Protein backbone atom coordinates (compact mmCIF):
# COMPACT_ATOMS: atom_id res chain seq x y z
CA MET A 1 -9.70 6.90 -1.82
CA VAL A 2 -6.44 8.49 -2.94
CA HIS A 3 -6.03 12.17 -4.09
CA GLY A 4 -3.61 13.10 -6.68
CA VAL A 5 -1.93 16.39 -8.23
CA TRP A 6 0.23 15.51 -11.44
CA LEU A 7 2.68 18.20 -11.54
CA ARG A 8 4.88 18.99 -14.74
CA ASP A 9 7.36 22.10 -14.90
CA GLY A 10 5.30 23.89 -11.75
CA ARG A 11 2.19 23.27 -13.30
CA ALA A 12 -0.61 20.70 -12.34
CA GLU A 13 -1.51 18.59 -15.39
CA TRP A 14 -4.42 17.04 -13.78
CA TYR A 15 -6.33 16.16 -10.52
CA ARG A 16 -8.01 12.95 -9.91
CA ASN A 17 -9.19 10.87 -6.97
CA ARG A 18 -10.36 7.28 -6.88
CA PHE A 19 -10.80 4.41 -4.36
CA VAL A 20 -8.43 1.54 -3.42
CA ARG A 21 -9.79 -1.26 -5.22
CA ASP A 22 -9.85 -4.66 -2.75
CA ASP A 23 -11.26 -7.87 -4.63
CA ASP A 24 -14.62 -7.06 -3.04
CA VAL A 25 -15.24 -3.71 -4.49
CA ALA A 26 -13.64 -5.33 -7.89
CA ALA A 27 -16.05 -7.84 -8.59
CA ALA A 28 -19.12 -5.97 -7.38
CA ARG A 29 -18.15 -4.01 -10.51
CA GLY A 30 -16.83 -6.67 -13.27
CA SER A 31 -13.06 -5.16 -12.78
CA PRO A 32 -10.01 -7.06 -12.19
CA ASP A 33 -8.74 -8.04 -8.63
CA ALA A 34 -5.98 -5.85 -6.95
CA ARG A 35 -3.06 -8.44 -8.98
CA SER A 36 -0.44 -9.82 -6.21
CA ALA A 37 -2.80 -8.98 -3.51
CA PRO A 38 -1.50 -10.69 -0.47
CA ARG A 39 -3.37 -9.77 2.49
CA HIS A 40 -2.03 -9.35 6.13
CA GLY A 41 1.10 -12.00 5.99
CA GLN A 42 -0.20 -14.22 3.40
CA ARG A 43 2.41 -14.49 0.42
CA ARG A 44 2.98 -12.68 -2.31
CA ARG A 45 2.84 -13.68 -6.02
CA GLU A 46 5.82 -14.13 -7.63
CA HIS A 47 5.59 -11.57 -10.34
CA GLN A 48 5.55 -8.91 -7.65
CA ARG A 49 8.44 -6.48 -7.62
CA ASP A 50 10.05 -6.06 -4.24
CA GLN A 51 11.87 -2.96 -4.09
CA PRO A 52 9.51 0.04 -2.93
CA ARG A 53 12.02 2.80 -4.95
CA GLY A 54 10.31 5.21 -7.36
CA ARG A 55 6.76 3.47 -6.56
CA THR A 56 3.66 5.33 -5.16
CA PHE A 57 2.03 3.41 -2.08
CA ALA A 58 -1.48 4.44 -0.56
CA ILE A 59 -1.46 3.83 3.55
CA VAL A 60 -4.06 4.10 5.83
CA GLU A 61 -3.63 3.76 9.81
CA ALA A 62 -4.99 0.37 11.08
CA GLY A 63 -5.54 -0.78 7.70
CA GLY A 64 -4.21 -3.84 5.33
CA LEU A 65 -0.91 -3.68 3.53
CA PRO A 66 0.64 -0.48 1.49
CA VAL A 67 -1.87 -0.56 -1.79
CA GLU A 68 0.73 0.07 -5.29
CA LEU A 69 -0.64 2.64 -7.26
CA SER A 70 -0.27 3.50 -11.08
CA ASN A 71 0.71 6.64 -12.10
CA GLU A 72 -2.80 6.88 -13.03
CA LEU A 73 -4.01 6.33 -9.55
CA GLU A 74 -5.16 3.15 -10.21
CA THR A 75 -4.81 -0.08 -7.34
CA VAL A 76 -1.83 -2.38 -8.69
CA ALA A 77 -1.04 -4.68 -6.09
CA TYR A 78 -1.47 -4.81 -2.62
CA SER A 79 2.12 -5.59 -0.71
CA ASN A 80 4.16 -6.99 2.03
CA PHE A 81 7.27 -5.84 0.89
CA GLU A 82 8.41 -9.68 -0.14
CA GLY A 83 7.02 -10.94 3.76
CA THR A 84 8.76 -8.01 5.89
CA LEU A 85 5.18 -6.99 6.57
CA PRO A 86 3.41 -9.71 8.46
CA GLY A 87 0.41 -7.09 8.30
CA SER A 88 -0.82 -3.90 8.30
CA PHE A 89 1.87 -0.68 8.33
CA THR A 90 0.91 2.68 10.11
CA ALA A 91 0.29 5.98 7.57
CA HIS A 92 2.75 7.96 9.66
CA PRO A 93 6.13 6.55 9.69
CA LYS A 94 9.01 8.25 11.08
CA ARG A 95 12.77 8.53 10.15
CA ASP A 96 15.36 9.27 12.96
CA PRO A 97 17.26 11.77 11.47
CA ASP A 98 20.65 10.45 13.25
CA THR A 99 20.68 6.84 11.64
CA GLY A 100 17.98 7.22 8.92
CA GLU A 101 16.46 3.74 10.33
CA LEU A 102 12.10 4.03 9.81
CA HIS A 103 10.23 2.96 12.75
CA ALA A 104 6.58 2.53 12.91
CA VAL A 105 3.78 1.78 14.87
CA VAL A 106 2.03 -1.06 13.85
CA TYR A 107 -1.30 -3.18 14.35
CA TYR A 108 -4.22 -4.82 13.15
CA TRP A 109 -7.95 -5.49 14.84
CA ALA A 110 -7.37 -9.34 14.01
CA TRP A 111 -3.58 -9.68 15.59
CA THR A 112 -3.46 -12.04 18.46
CA THR A 113 -0.78 -11.29 20.61
CA SER A 114 1.04 -14.14 19.19
CA SER A 115 0.76 -12.26 16.28
CA THR A 116 4.37 -10.19 16.69
CA TRP A 117 7.36 -10.13 14.45
């Protein structure tokens, strides 16, 4: 579940919370699946955007791939960032203040020792 507050001119316009939708939940509710939904290293669909800048993602520790959210916090798509993520991503990446590099420890329960980058 994600929570959001939309701020404009120093004031909160709304608060809302949403569940990040997966295909099983979408099917049970009769709603569309998460478009462009690669899972743990699967190939993305071609219409998925490639650059994360200016976009919002839900990430979870040892979970699945990052999930892009709309400005209304609705599930848009799972993203493997054009194949650069073979699986889950950490909820706590750290940026090196000297080099600007982003560092992350990632793991996924179903990976084997041969599932390395």
